[in-house]
Amino acid sequence: MKFFKYAVISLFAFSSAAWAQDEPKAKAKAKAKTKASAEVEVATGSLPPYGMAGCGLGALIIEKNEMLPQLGATVLNNYISPQSSAITSGTSNCTDKPRETASLEQEVFIAANLNSISKAAAQGNGEHLDALGEVFGCSIEGTEALKEMCQTKFDAIFSNSDSQVVLGNLREEIKSNPATAENCNRA
């Protein structure tokens, strides 16, 4: 019963806040309609990848930034999968700069596992290459293409024992290979 009580209170508080935000948005829309479309352009890179409910599981599942869908996202973020864990871990769109986060993850992973990655790359298979595929956001097909690429381009990728150089070489090879460029979205 307590859960239901807190859920109703949270939904009421969120909806009140959302309605309070609607009035300034309506005024801004009216103002924007009077300006030329070139002046109204907004850089999409500056917008967060989530709606009014914030980041978390709800942001991944519910994309519409309208009141009712965002109420559902709030329930998902706060009661089904706690938003605080997503914020702490930097997952579920709870990061301001996902590209920087991906880059940092790649740097740390390669620095910590360089020897194991190079051994697996020489063989063209192994858990470290599977994990490397995950770090670069590769699909199953992309991971298979990454394994093949690492084996065939081994000398170019691992020409230096510095993890930063290897990371740079990997990124270049992933972007230049059609199969990995299409199937690995964090390169």
N, C-alpha and C. Protein backbone atom coordinates (compact mmCIF):
# COMPACT_ATOMS: atom_id res chain seq x y z
N MET A 1 0.82 -1.19 0.00
CA MET A 1 0.00 0.00 0.00
C MET A 1 0.87 1.27 0.00
N LYS A 2 2.01 1.20 0.73
CA LYS A 2 2.90 2.37 0.77
C LYS A 2 3.43 2.68 -0.63
N PHE A 3 3.76 1.62 -1.38
CA PHE A 3 4.28 1.82 -2.74
C PHE A 3 3.29 2.60 -3.57
N PHE A 4 2.02 2.19 -3.52
CA PHE A 4 0.99 2.87 -4.29
C PHE A 4 0.87 4.33 -3.87
N LYS A 5 0.91 4.58 -2.56
CA LYS A 5 0.81 5.95 -2.04
C LYS A 5 1.95 6.81 -2.56
N TYR A 6 3.19 6.28 -2.50
CA TYR A 6 4.34 7.04 -2.98
C TYR A 6 4.31 7.22 -4.49
N ALA A 7 3.82 6.22 -5.20
CA ALA A 7 3.72 6.33 -6.65
C ALA A 7 2.74 7.42 -7.05
N VAL A 8 1.60 7.48 -6.39
CA VAL A 8 0.60 8.51 -6.69
C VAL A 8 1.14 9.89 -6.35
N ILE A 9 1.79 10.03 -5.20
CA ILE A 9 2.36 11.32 -4.80
C ILE A 9 3.43 11.76 -5.80
N SER A 10 4.29 10.82 -6.21
CA SER A 10 5.35 11.15 -7.17
C SER A 10 4.77 11.56 -8.51
N LEU A 11 3.77 10.82 -8.98
CA LEU A 11 3.15 11.16 -10.26
C LEU A 11 2.48 12.51 -10.21
N PHE A 12 1.80 12.81 -9.09
CA PHE A 12 1.14 14.10 -8.94
C PHE A 12 2.18 15.23 -8.94
N ALA A 13 3.25 15.04 -8.18
CA ALA A 13 4.30 16.07 -8.11
C ALA A 13 4.94 16.29 -9.47
N PHE A 14 5.21 15.18 -10.18
CA PHE A 14 5.83 15.30 -11.50
C PHE A 14 4.90 15.98 -12.48
N SER A 15 3.62 15.58 -12.48
CA SER A 15 2.69 16.18 -13.44
C SER A 15 2.48 17.66 -13.15
N SER A 16 2.46 18.05 -11.86
CA SER A 16 2.33 19.47 -11.52
C SER A 16 3.52 20.25 -12.05
N ALA A 17 4.72 19.67 -11.89
CA ALA A 17 5.93 20.34 -12.37
C ALA A 17 5.90 20.42 -13.90
N ALA A 18 5.43 19.38 -14.56
CA ALA A 18 5.37 19.38 -16.03
C ALA A 18 4.39 20.42 -16.53
N TRP A 19 3.21 20.52 -15.87
CA TRP A 19 2.24 21.53 -16.29
C TRP A 19 2.77 22.94 -16.05
N ALA A 20 3.51 23.12 -14.98
CA ALA A 20 4.08 24.44 -14.69
C ALA A 20 5.09 24.82 -15.76
N GLN A 21 5.76 23.80 -16.34
CA GLN A 21 6.74 24.08 -17.37
C GLN A 21 6.09 24.34 -18.72
N ASP A 22 4.85 23.89 -18.92
CA ASP A 22 4.18 24.03 -20.21
C ASP A 22 3.92 25.49 -20.58
N GLU A 23 3.59 26.35 -19.61
CA GLU A 23 3.27 27.74 -19.90
C GLU A 23 4.45 28.48 -20.53
N PRO A 24 5.67 28.42 -19.93
CA PRO A 24 6.80 29.09 -20.59
C PRO A 24 7.11 28.49 -21.95
N LYS A 25 6.90 27.17 -22.09
CA LYS A 25 7.16 26.54 -23.38
C LYS A 25 6.19 27.07 -24.44
N ALA A 26 4.94 27.25 -24.06
CA ALA A 26 3.94 27.76 -25.00
C ALA A 26 4.31 29.17 -25.44
N LYS A 27 4.77 29.99 -24.50
CA LYS A 27 5.18 31.35 -24.86
C LYS A 27 6.40 31.32 -25.78
N ALA A 28 7.34 30.42 -25.49
CA ALA A 28 8.54 30.31 -26.32
C ALA A 28 8.17 29.83 -27.72
N LYS A 29 7.22 28.88 -27.83
CA LYS A 29 6.79 28.41 -29.14
C LYS A 29 6.17 29.55 -29.95
N ALA A 30 5.33 30.34 -29.29
CA ALA A 30 4.69 31.45 -29.98
C ALA A 30 5.73 32.44 -30.48
N LYS A 31 6.75 32.70 -29.64
CA LYS A 31 7.81 33.62 -30.01
C LYS A 31 8.61 33.05 -31.19
N ALA A 32 8.88 31.75 -31.13
CA ALA A 32 9.68 31.11 -32.16
C ALA A 32 8.95 31.13 -33.51
N LYS A 33 7.64 31.02 -33.51
CA LYS A 33 6.88 31.02 -34.75
C LYS A 33 6.97 32.37 -35.46
N THR A 34 7.20 33.43 -34.70
CA THR A 34 7.27 34.74 -35.32
C THR A 34 8.64 35.02 -35.95
N LYS A 35 9.64 34.27 -35.55
CA LYS A 35 10.99 34.48 -36.09
C LYS A 35 11.18 33.66 -37.35
N ALA A 36 12.18 34.01 -38.10
CA ALA A 36 12.52 33.23 -39.28
C ALA A 36 13.06 31.88 -38.85
N SER A 37 12.86 30.86 -39.66
CA SER A 37 13.27 29.50 -39.27
C SER A 37 14.78 29.39 -39.06
N ALA A 38 15.56 30.20 -39.71
CA ALA A 38 17.01 30.16 -39.51
C ALA A 38 17.38 30.59 -38.11
N GLU A 39 16.61 31.51 -37.53
CA GLU A 39 16.91 31.99 -36.19
C GLU A 39 16.46 31.01 -35.10
N VAL A 40 15.57 30.10 -35.44
CA VAL A 40 15.00 29.20 -34.45
C VAL A 40 15.81 27.91 -34.32
N GLU A 41 16.75 27.69 -35.23
CA GLU A 41 17.50 26.45 -35.23
C GLU A 41 18.19 26.20 -33.89
N VAL A 42 18.10 24.96 -33.42
CA VAL A 42 18.74 24.57 -32.18
C VAL A 42 19.73 23.46 -32.49
N ALA A 43 20.89 23.55 -31.92
CA ALA A 43 21.90 22.51 -32.13
C ALA A 43 21.49 21.26 -31.37
N THR A 44 21.25 20.17 -32.09
CA THR A 44 20.79 18.94 -31.45
C THR A 44 21.83 18.37 -30.51
N GLY A 45 23.08 18.62 -30.75
CA GLY A 45 24.11 18.11 -29.87
C GLY A 45 24.03 18.68 -28.47
N SER A 46 23.38 19.82 -28.30
CA SER A 46 23.30 20.43 -26.98
C SER A 46 22.12 19.92 -26.17
N LEU A 47 21.19 19.20 -26.81
CA LEU A 47 20.02 18.70 -26.11
C LEU A 47 20.35 17.38 -25.42
N PRO A 48 19.82 17.15 -24.22
CA PRO A 48 20.08 15.88 -23.55
C PRO A 48 19.34 14.75 -24.26
N PRO A 49 19.87 13.51 -24.15
CA PRO A 49 19.23 12.38 -24.83
C PRO A 49 18.06 11.78 -24.06
N TYR A 50 17.35 12.61 -23.30
CA TYR A 50 16.20 12.14 -22.53
C TYR A 50 15.21 13.27 -22.35
N GLY A 51 14.00 12.93 -21.89
CA GLY A 51 12.94 13.90 -21.73
C GLY A 51 12.85 14.45 -20.32
N MET A 52 11.65 14.95 -19.97
CA MET A 52 11.43 15.60 -18.67
C MET A 52 11.67 14.67 -17.49
N ALA A 53 11.47 13.37 -17.67
CA ALA A 53 11.63 12.41 -16.57
C ALA A 53 13.10 12.18 -16.23
N GLY A 54 13.98 12.63 -17.06
CA GLY A 54 15.40 12.47 -16.80
C GLY A 54 15.95 11.19 -17.40
N CYS A 55 17.20 10.93 -17.11
CA CYS A 55 17.86 9.75 -17.65
C CYS A 55 17.47 8.52 -16.85
N GLY A 56 17.81 7.36 -17.34
CA GLY A 56 17.51 6.11 -16.67
C GLY A 56 16.82 5.15 -17.62
N LEU A 57 16.30 4.05 -17.08
CA LEU A 57 15.63 3.04 -17.90
C LEU A 57 14.48 3.65 -18.70
N GLY A 58 13.73 4.55 -18.08
CA GLY A 58 12.62 5.21 -18.77
C GLY A 58 13.07 5.98 -20.00
N ALA A 59 14.24 6.57 -19.95
CA ALA A 59 14.76 7.33 -21.09
C ALA A 59 15.13 6.41 -22.25
N LEU A 60 15.53 5.19 -21.94
CA LEU A 60 15.88 4.25 -23.00
C LEU A 60 14.64 3.66 -23.68
N ILE A 61 13.59 3.45 -22.90
CA ILE A 61 12.40 2.79 -23.41
C ILE A 61 11.41 3.79 -24.01
N ILE A 62 11.23 4.94 -23.35
CA ILE A 62 10.23 5.92 -23.77
C ILE A 62 10.94 7.14 -24.35
N GLU A 63 10.73 7.37 -25.65
CA GLU A 63 11.42 8.46 -26.32
C GLU A 63 10.59 9.72 -26.46
N LYS A 64 9.27 9.60 -26.43
CA LYS A 64 8.42 10.78 -26.60
C LYS A 64 8.58 11.72 -25.41
N ASN A 65 8.79 12.99 -25.70
CA ASN A 65 8.94 13.98 -24.64
C ASN A 65 7.62 14.73 -24.46
N GLU A 66 6.57 13.96 -24.18
CA GLU A 66 5.26 14.52 -23.88
C GLU A 66 4.89 14.07 -22.48
N MET A 67 3.92 14.75 -21.87
CA MET A 67 3.63 14.53 -20.46
C MET A 67 3.30 13.09 -20.11
N LEU A 68 2.34 12.48 -20.76
CA LEU A 68 1.90 11.13 -20.38
C LEU A 68 3.02 10.09 -20.55
N PRO A 69 3.71 10.06 -21.69
CA PRO A 69 4.81 9.10 -21.80
C PRO A 69 5.91 9.36 -20.76
N GLN A 70 6.16 10.62 -20.46
CA GLN A 70 7.20 10.94 -19.47
C GLN A 70 6.78 10.55 -18.06
N LEU A 71 5.48 10.52 -17.79
CA LEU A 71 5.00 10.01 -16.49
C LEU A 71 5.35 8.53 -16.38
N GLY A 72 5.16 7.81 -17.46
CA GLY A 72 5.55 6.39 -17.48
C GLY A 72 7.05 6.23 -17.30
N ALA A 73 7.82 7.11 -17.93
CA ALA A 73 9.27 7.07 -17.78
C ALA A 73 9.68 7.34 -16.34
N THR A 74 8.96 8.23 -15.68
CA THR A 74 9.24 8.52 -14.27
C THR A 74 9.05 7.29 -13.41
N VAL A 75 7.96 6.58 -13.66
CA VAL A 75 7.69 5.35 -12.89
C VAL A 75 8.82 4.34 -13.13
N LEU A 76 9.21 4.18 -14.39
CA LEU A 76 10.30 3.26 -14.69
C LEU A 76 11.60 3.70 -14.02
N ASN A 77 11.90 4.99 -14.08
CA ASN A 77 13.14 5.51 -13.52
C ASN A 77 13.21 5.41 -12.00
N ASN A 78 12.08 5.55 -11.34
CA ASN A 78 12.11 5.63 -9.88
C ASN A 78 11.66 4.38 -9.15
N TYR A 79 10.82 3.56 -9.77
CA TYR A 79 10.28 2.42 -9.04
C TYR A 79 10.70 1.08 -9.61
N ILE A 80 10.86 0.98 -10.90
CA ILE A 80 11.23 -0.29 -11.51
C ILE A 80 12.76 -0.47 -11.51
N SER A 81 13.46 0.50 -12.01
CA SER A 81 14.92 0.48 -12.06
C SER A 81 15.42 1.82 -11.53
N PRO A 82 15.96 1.83 -10.30
CA PRO A 82 16.32 3.11 -9.67
C PRO A 82 17.23 3.99 -10.53
N GLN A 83 16.81 5.22 -10.71
CA GLN A 83 17.55 6.18 -11.51
C GLN A 83 18.91 6.49 -10.88
N SER A 84 18.97 6.44 -9.56
CA SER A 84 20.22 6.78 -8.88
C SER A 84 21.36 5.85 -9.28
N SER A 85 21.07 4.56 -9.53
CA SER A 85 22.13 3.65 -9.94
C SER A 85 22.60 3.96 -11.35
N ALA A 86 21.68 4.39 -12.22
CA ALA A 86 22.07 4.76 -13.57
C ALA A 86 22.91 6.04 -13.56
N ILE A 87 22.56 6.97 -12.69
CA ILE A 87 23.33 8.21 -12.58
C ILE A 87 24.73 7.93 -12.06
N THR A 88 24.81 7.09 -11.03
CA THR A 88 26.09 6.76 -10.43
C THR A 88 27.01 6.05 -11.42
N SER A 89 26.44 5.11 -12.17
CA SER A 89 27.26 4.33 -13.10
C SER A 89 27.46 5.01 -14.45
N GLY A 90 26.69 6.06 -14.72
CA GLY A 90 26.82 6.76 -16.00
C GLY A 90 26.21 6.00 -17.17
N THR A 91 25.23 5.12 -16.88
CA THR A 91 24.58 4.35 -17.93
C THR A 91 23.19 4.90 -18.20
N SER A 92 22.48 4.30 -19.13
CA SER A 92 21.09 4.65 -19.46
C SER A 92 20.91 6.14 -19.76
N ASN A 93 21.80 6.68 -20.58
CA ASN A 93 21.77 8.09 -20.98
C ASN A 93 22.07 9.05 -19.83
N CYS A 94 22.57 8.56 -18.72
CA CYS A 94 22.86 9.42 -17.56
C CYS A 94 24.29 9.96 -17.62
N THR A 95 24.64 10.52 -18.73
CA THR A 95 25.93 11.16 -18.90
C THR A 95 25.74 12.33 -19.85
N ASP A 96 26.44 13.39 -19.60
CA ASP A 96 26.31 14.56 -20.46
C ASP A 96 27.01 14.35 -21.80
N LYS A 97 28.07 13.57 -21.77
CA LYS A 97 28.88 13.42 -22.97
C LYS A 97 29.16 11.94 -23.23
N PRO A 98 28.24 11.24 -23.90
CA PRO A 98 28.41 9.81 -24.12
C PRO A 98 29.67 9.46 -24.92
N ARG A 99 30.07 10.29 -25.86
CA ARG A 99 31.28 10.02 -26.65
C ARG A 99 32.52 10.05 -25.75
N GLU A 100 32.57 11.00 -24.82
CA GLU A 100 33.71 11.08 -23.92
C GLU A 100 33.74 9.87 -22.99
N THR A 101 32.58 9.43 -22.54
CA THR A 101 32.50 8.25 -21.68
C THR A 101 32.98 7.03 -22.44
N ALA A 102 32.54 6.87 -23.68
CA ALA A 102 32.97 5.73 -24.50
C ALA A 102 34.47 5.76 -24.70
N SER A 103 35.01 6.92 -24.98
CA SER A 103 36.44 7.07 -25.20
C SER A 103 37.23 6.69 -23.94
N LEU A 104 36.77 7.13 -22.80
CA LEU A 104 37.44 6.80 -21.54
C LEU A 104 37.37 5.31 -21.26
N GLU A 105 36.22 4.70 -21.49
CA GLU A 105 36.09 3.24 -21.30
C GLU A 105 37.07 2.49 -22.19
N GLN A 106 37.19 2.94 -23.43
CA GLN A 106 38.10 2.28 -24.37
C GLN A 106 39.55 2.42 -23.92
N GLU A 107 39.92 3.62 -23.48
CA GLU A 107 41.29 3.85 -23.00
C GLU A 107 41.63 2.94 -21.83
N VAL A 108 40.74 2.87 -20.86
CA VAL A 108 40.98 2.07 -19.66
C VAL A 108 41.03 0.59 -20.01
N PHE A 109 40.09 0.13 -20.83
CA PHE A 109 40.04 -1.29 -21.19
C PHE A 109 41.31 -1.71 -21.92
N ILE A 110 41.72 -0.94 -22.89
CA ILE A 110 42.89 -1.31 -23.68
C ILE A 110 44.16 -1.22 -22.83
N ALA A 111 44.29 -0.19 -22.00
CA ALA A 111 45.47 -0.07 -21.14
C ALA A 111 45.58 -1.25 -20.18
N ALA A 112 44.46 -1.68 -19.63
CA ALA A 112 44.47 -2.77 -18.64
C ALA A 112 44.63 -4.15 -19.28
N ASN A 113 44.26 -4.28 -20.55
CA ASN A 113 44.24 -5.60 -21.18
C ASN A 113 45.05 -5.69 -22.47
N LEU A 114 46.00 -4.80 -22.67
CA LEU A 114 46.70 -4.73 -23.96
C LEU A 114 47.35 -6.06 -24.35
N ASN A 115 48.05 -6.70 -23.44
CA ASN A 115 48.74 -7.96 -23.78
C ASN A 115 47.73 -9.05 -24.16
N SER A 116 46.67 -9.17 -23.39
CA SER A 116 45.66 -10.19 -23.68
C SER A 116 44.92 -9.90 -24.99
N ILE A 117 44.66 -8.62 -25.24
CA ILE A 117 43.99 -8.24 -26.49
C ILE A 117 44.88 -8.57 -27.68
N SER A 118 46.17 -8.27 -27.58
CA SER A 118 47.06 -8.52 -28.72
C SER A 118 47.21 -10.03 -28.98
N LYS A 119 47.25 -10.83 -27.91
CA LYS A 119 47.32 -12.29 -28.10
C LYS A 119 46.06 -12.81 -28.77
N ALA A 120 44.91 -12.33 -28.31
CA ALA A 120 43.63 -12.75 -28.91
C ALA A 120 43.53 -12.27 -30.36
N ALA A 121 44.02 -11.06 -30.62
CA ALA A 121 43.97 -10.52 -31.99
C ALA A 121 44.83 -11.34 -32.93
N ALA A 122 45.99 -11.80 -32.46
CA ALA A 122 46.86 -12.62 -33.29
C ALA A 122 46.16 -13.92 -33.68
N GLN A 123 45.33 -14.46 -32.77
CA GLN A 123 44.59 -15.69 -33.04
C GLN A 123 43.27 -15.42 -33.77
N GLY A 124 42.77 -14.19 -33.65
CA GLY A 124 41.50 -13.83 -34.30
C GLY A 124 40.27 -14.26 -33.53
N ASN A 125 40.45 -14.58 -32.24
CA ASN A 125 39.32 -15.04 -31.45
C ASN A 125 39.66 -14.94 -29.96
N GLY A 126 38.63 -14.93 -29.13
CA GLY A 126 38.85 -14.94 -27.69
C GLY A 126 37.94 -13.97 -26.96
N GLU A 127 37.86 -14.18 -25.66
CA GLU A 127 36.99 -13.36 -24.81
C GLU A 127 37.38 -11.89 -24.83
N HIS A 128 38.66 -11.61 -24.92
CA HIS A 128 39.10 -10.21 -24.91
C HIS A 128 38.65 -9.47 -26.18
N LEU A 129 38.57 -10.19 -27.29
CA LEU A 129 38.05 -9.55 -28.51
C LEU A 129 36.54 -9.39 -28.44
N ASP A 130 35.86 -10.34 -27.79
CA ASP A 130 34.42 -10.17 -27.57
C ASP A 130 34.17 -8.93 -26.72
N ALA A 131 34.95 -8.78 -25.66
CA ALA A 131 34.82 -7.61 -24.78
C ALA A 131 35.19 -6.33 -25.53
N LEU A 132 36.20 -6.40 -26.38
CA LEU A 132 36.60 -5.23 -27.18
C LEU A 132 35.45 -4.80 -28.08
N GLY A 133 34.74 -5.79 -28.64
CA GLY A 133 33.56 -5.49 -29.46
C GLY A 133 32.50 -4.76 -28.66
N GLU A 134 32.30 -5.16 -27.41
CA GLU A 134 31.33 -4.48 -26.55
C GLU A 134 31.76 -3.05 -26.25
N VAL A 135 33.05 -2.87 -25.98
CA VAL A 135 33.57 -1.54 -25.65
C VAL A 135 33.40 -0.58 -26.84
N PHE A 136 33.49 -1.12 -28.05
CA PHE A 136 33.31 -0.29 -29.24
C PHE A 136 31.87 -0.29 -29.74
N GLY A 137 30.95 -0.87 -28.97
CA GLY A 137 29.53 -0.85 -29.32
C GLY A 137 29.19 -1.64 -30.56
N CYS A 138 29.89 -2.75 -30.77
CA CYS A 138 29.67 -3.57 -31.96
C CYS A 138 28.51 -4.53 -31.77
N SER A 139 27.76 -4.73 -32.84
CA SER A 139 26.73 -5.77 -32.86
C SER A 139 27.45 -7.12 -32.97
N ILE A 140 26.68 -8.19 -33.02
CA ILE A 140 27.29 -9.52 -33.16
C ILE A 140 28.09 -9.60 -34.47
N GLU A 141 27.49 -9.08 -35.54
CA GLU A 141 28.18 -9.07 -36.84
C GLU A 141 29.42 -8.18 -36.78
N GLY A 142 29.29 -7.06 -36.09
CA GLY A 142 30.41 -6.14 -35.96
C GLY A 142 31.56 -6.75 -35.16
N THR A 143 31.23 -7.50 -34.13
CA THR A 143 32.26 -8.15 -33.31
C THR A 143 33.00 -9.19 -34.14
N GLU A 144 32.27 -9.95 -34.95
CA GLU A 144 32.92 -10.93 -35.82
C GLU A 144 33.83 -10.24 -36.84
N ALA A 145 33.36 -9.14 -37.40
CA ALA A 145 34.18 -8.37 -38.35
C ALA A 145 35.39 -7.77 -37.64
N LEU A 146 35.20 -7.33 -36.39
CA LEU A 146 36.30 -6.77 -35.60
C LEU A 146 37.37 -7.82 -35.35
N LYS A 147 36.96 -9.04 -35.01
CA LYS A 147 37.92 -10.14 -34.78
C LYS A 147 38.75 -10.40 -36.03
N GLU A 148 38.06 -10.49 -37.17
CA GLU A 148 38.75 -10.74 -38.43
C GLU A 148 39.69 -9.59 -38.78
N MET A 149 39.21 -8.36 -38.57
CA MET A 149 40.03 -7.19 -38.87
C MET A 149 41.27 -7.15 -37.98
N CYS A 150 41.10 -7.45 -36.68
CA CYS A 150 42.24 -7.43 -35.76
C CYS A 150 43.31 -8.45 -36.16
N GLN A 151 42.87 -9.60 -36.68
CA GLN A 151 43.84 -10.61 -37.10
C GLN A 151 44.53 -10.22 -38.40
N THR A 152 43.76 -9.75 -39.38
CA THR A 152 44.36 -9.41 -40.67
C THR A 152 45.18 -8.12 -40.62
N LYS A 153 44.80 -7.19 -39.77
CA LYS A 153 45.52 -5.90 -39.66
C LYS A 153 46.37 -5.86 -38.39
N PHE A 154 46.74 -7.01 -37.87
CA PHE A 154 47.46 -7.10 -36.60
C PHE A 154 48.70 -6.20 -36.58
N ASP A 155 49.53 -6.30 -37.62
CA ASP A 155 50.78 -5.52 -37.65
C ASP A 155 50.53 -4.02 -37.63
N ALA A 156 49.50 -3.57 -38.31
CA ALA A 156 49.18 -2.13 -38.34
C ALA A 156 48.62 -1.65 -37.00
N ILE A 157 47.78 -2.48 -36.38
CA ILE A 157 47.13 -2.07 -35.13
C ILE A 157 48.10 -2.12 -33.95
N PHE A 158 48.87 -3.18 -33.87
CA PHE A 158 49.74 -3.40 -32.71
C PHE A 158 51.21 -3.11 -33.05
N SER A 159 51.45 -2.12 -33.89
CA SER A 159 52.81 -1.75 -34.28
C SER A 159 53.58 -1.10 -33.14
N ASN A 160 52.88 -0.67 -32.11
CA ASN A 160 53.48 0.01 -30.97
C ASN A 160 52.92 -0.62 -29.70
N SER A 161 53.70 -0.61 -28.63
CA SER A 161 53.23 -1.21 -27.38
C SER A 161 52.54 -0.18 -26.47
N ASP A 162 52.39 1.04 -26.94
CA ASP A 162 51.70 2.07 -26.17
C ASP A 162 50.19 1.92 -26.38
N SER A 163 49.43 1.82 -25.31
CA SER A 163 47.98 1.57 -25.40
C SER A 163 47.26 2.71 -26.13
N GLN A 164 47.73 3.93 -25.99
CA GLN A 164 47.10 5.06 -26.69
C GLN A 164 47.27 4.95 -28.20
N VAL A 165 48.45 4.52 -28.61
CA VAL A 165 48.72 4.35 -30.05
C VAL A 165 47.86 3.21 -30.59
N VAL A 166 47.78 2.11 -29.83
CA VAL A 166 46.96 0.97 -30.25
C VAL A 166 45.50 1.39 -30.37
N LEU A 167 45.01 2.16 -29.40
CA LEU A 167 43.63 2.64 -29.44
C LEU A 167 43.39 3.50 -30.69
N GLY A 168 44.31 4.40 -30.97
CA GLY A 168 44.18 5.24 -32.18
C GLY A 168 44.19 4.40 -33.45
N ASN A 169 45.06 3.40 -33.49
CA ASN A 169 45.11 2.50 -34.66
C ASN A 169 43.81 1.71 -34.80
N LEU A 170 43.30 1.22 -33.68
CA LEU A 170 42.03 0.48 -33.70
C LEU A 170 40.90 1.34 -34.23
N ARG A 171 40.80 2.56 -33.73
CA ARG A 171 39.73 3.46 -34.17
C ARG A 171 39.82 3.72 -35.67
N GLU A 172 41.04 3.96 -36.17
CA GLU A 172 41.23 4.21 -37.61
C GLU A 172 40.81 3.00 -38.43
N GLU A 173 41.23 1.82 -38.00
CA GLU A 173 40.91 0.59 -38.74
C GLU A 173 39.40 0.31 -38.70
N ILE A 174 38.77 0.52 -37.54
CA ILE A 174 37.33 0.28 -37.42
C ILE A 174 36.56 1.22 -38.35
N LYS A 175 36.97 2.48 -38.41
CA LYS A 175 36.28 3.45 -39.26
C LYS A 175 36.51 3.21 -40.74
N SER A 176 37.67 2.67 -41.09
CA SER A 176 37.98 2.46 -42.51
C SER A 176 37.47 1.12 -43.04
N ASN A 177 37.12 0.20 -42.17
CA ASN A 177 36.59 -1.10 -42.58
C ASN A 177 35.06 -1.00 -42.67
N PRO A 178 34.46 -1.22 -43.84
CA PRO A 178 33.00 -1.06 -43.98
C PRO A 178 32.18 -1.91 -43.01
N ALA A 179 32.60 -3.14 -42.77
CA ALA A 179 31.83 -4.04 -41.90
C ALA A 179 31.84 -3.56 -40.45
N THR A 180 32.98 -3.06 -39.98
CA THR A 180 33.04 -2.58 -38.60
C THR A 180 32.50 -1.17 -38.48
N ALA A 181 32.73 -0.34 -39.48
CA ALA A 181 32.20 1.04 -39.43
C ALA A 181 30.69 1.04 -39.34
N GLU A 182 30.05 0.10 -40.02
CA GLU A 182 28.60 0.03 -40.02
C GLU A 182 28.04 -0.61 -38.76
N ASN A 183 28.80 -1.50 -38.13
CA ASN A 183 28.28 -2.30 -37.01
C ASN A 183 28.90 -2.00 -35.65
N CYS A 184 29.77 -1.02 -35.56
CA CYS A 184 30.38 -0.63 -34.29
C CYS A 184 30.14 0.87 -34.11
N ASN A 185 29.24 1.25 -33.22
CA ASN A 185 28.81 2.64 -33.14
C ASN A 185 29.53 3.50 -32.09
N ARG A 186 30.58 2.98 -31.47
CA ARG A 186 31.30 3.78 -30.48
C ARG A 186 32.77 3.96 -30.85
N ALA A 187 33.09 3.87 -32.13
CA ALA A 187 34.49 3.97 -32.55
C ALA A 187 34.94 5.39 -32.67
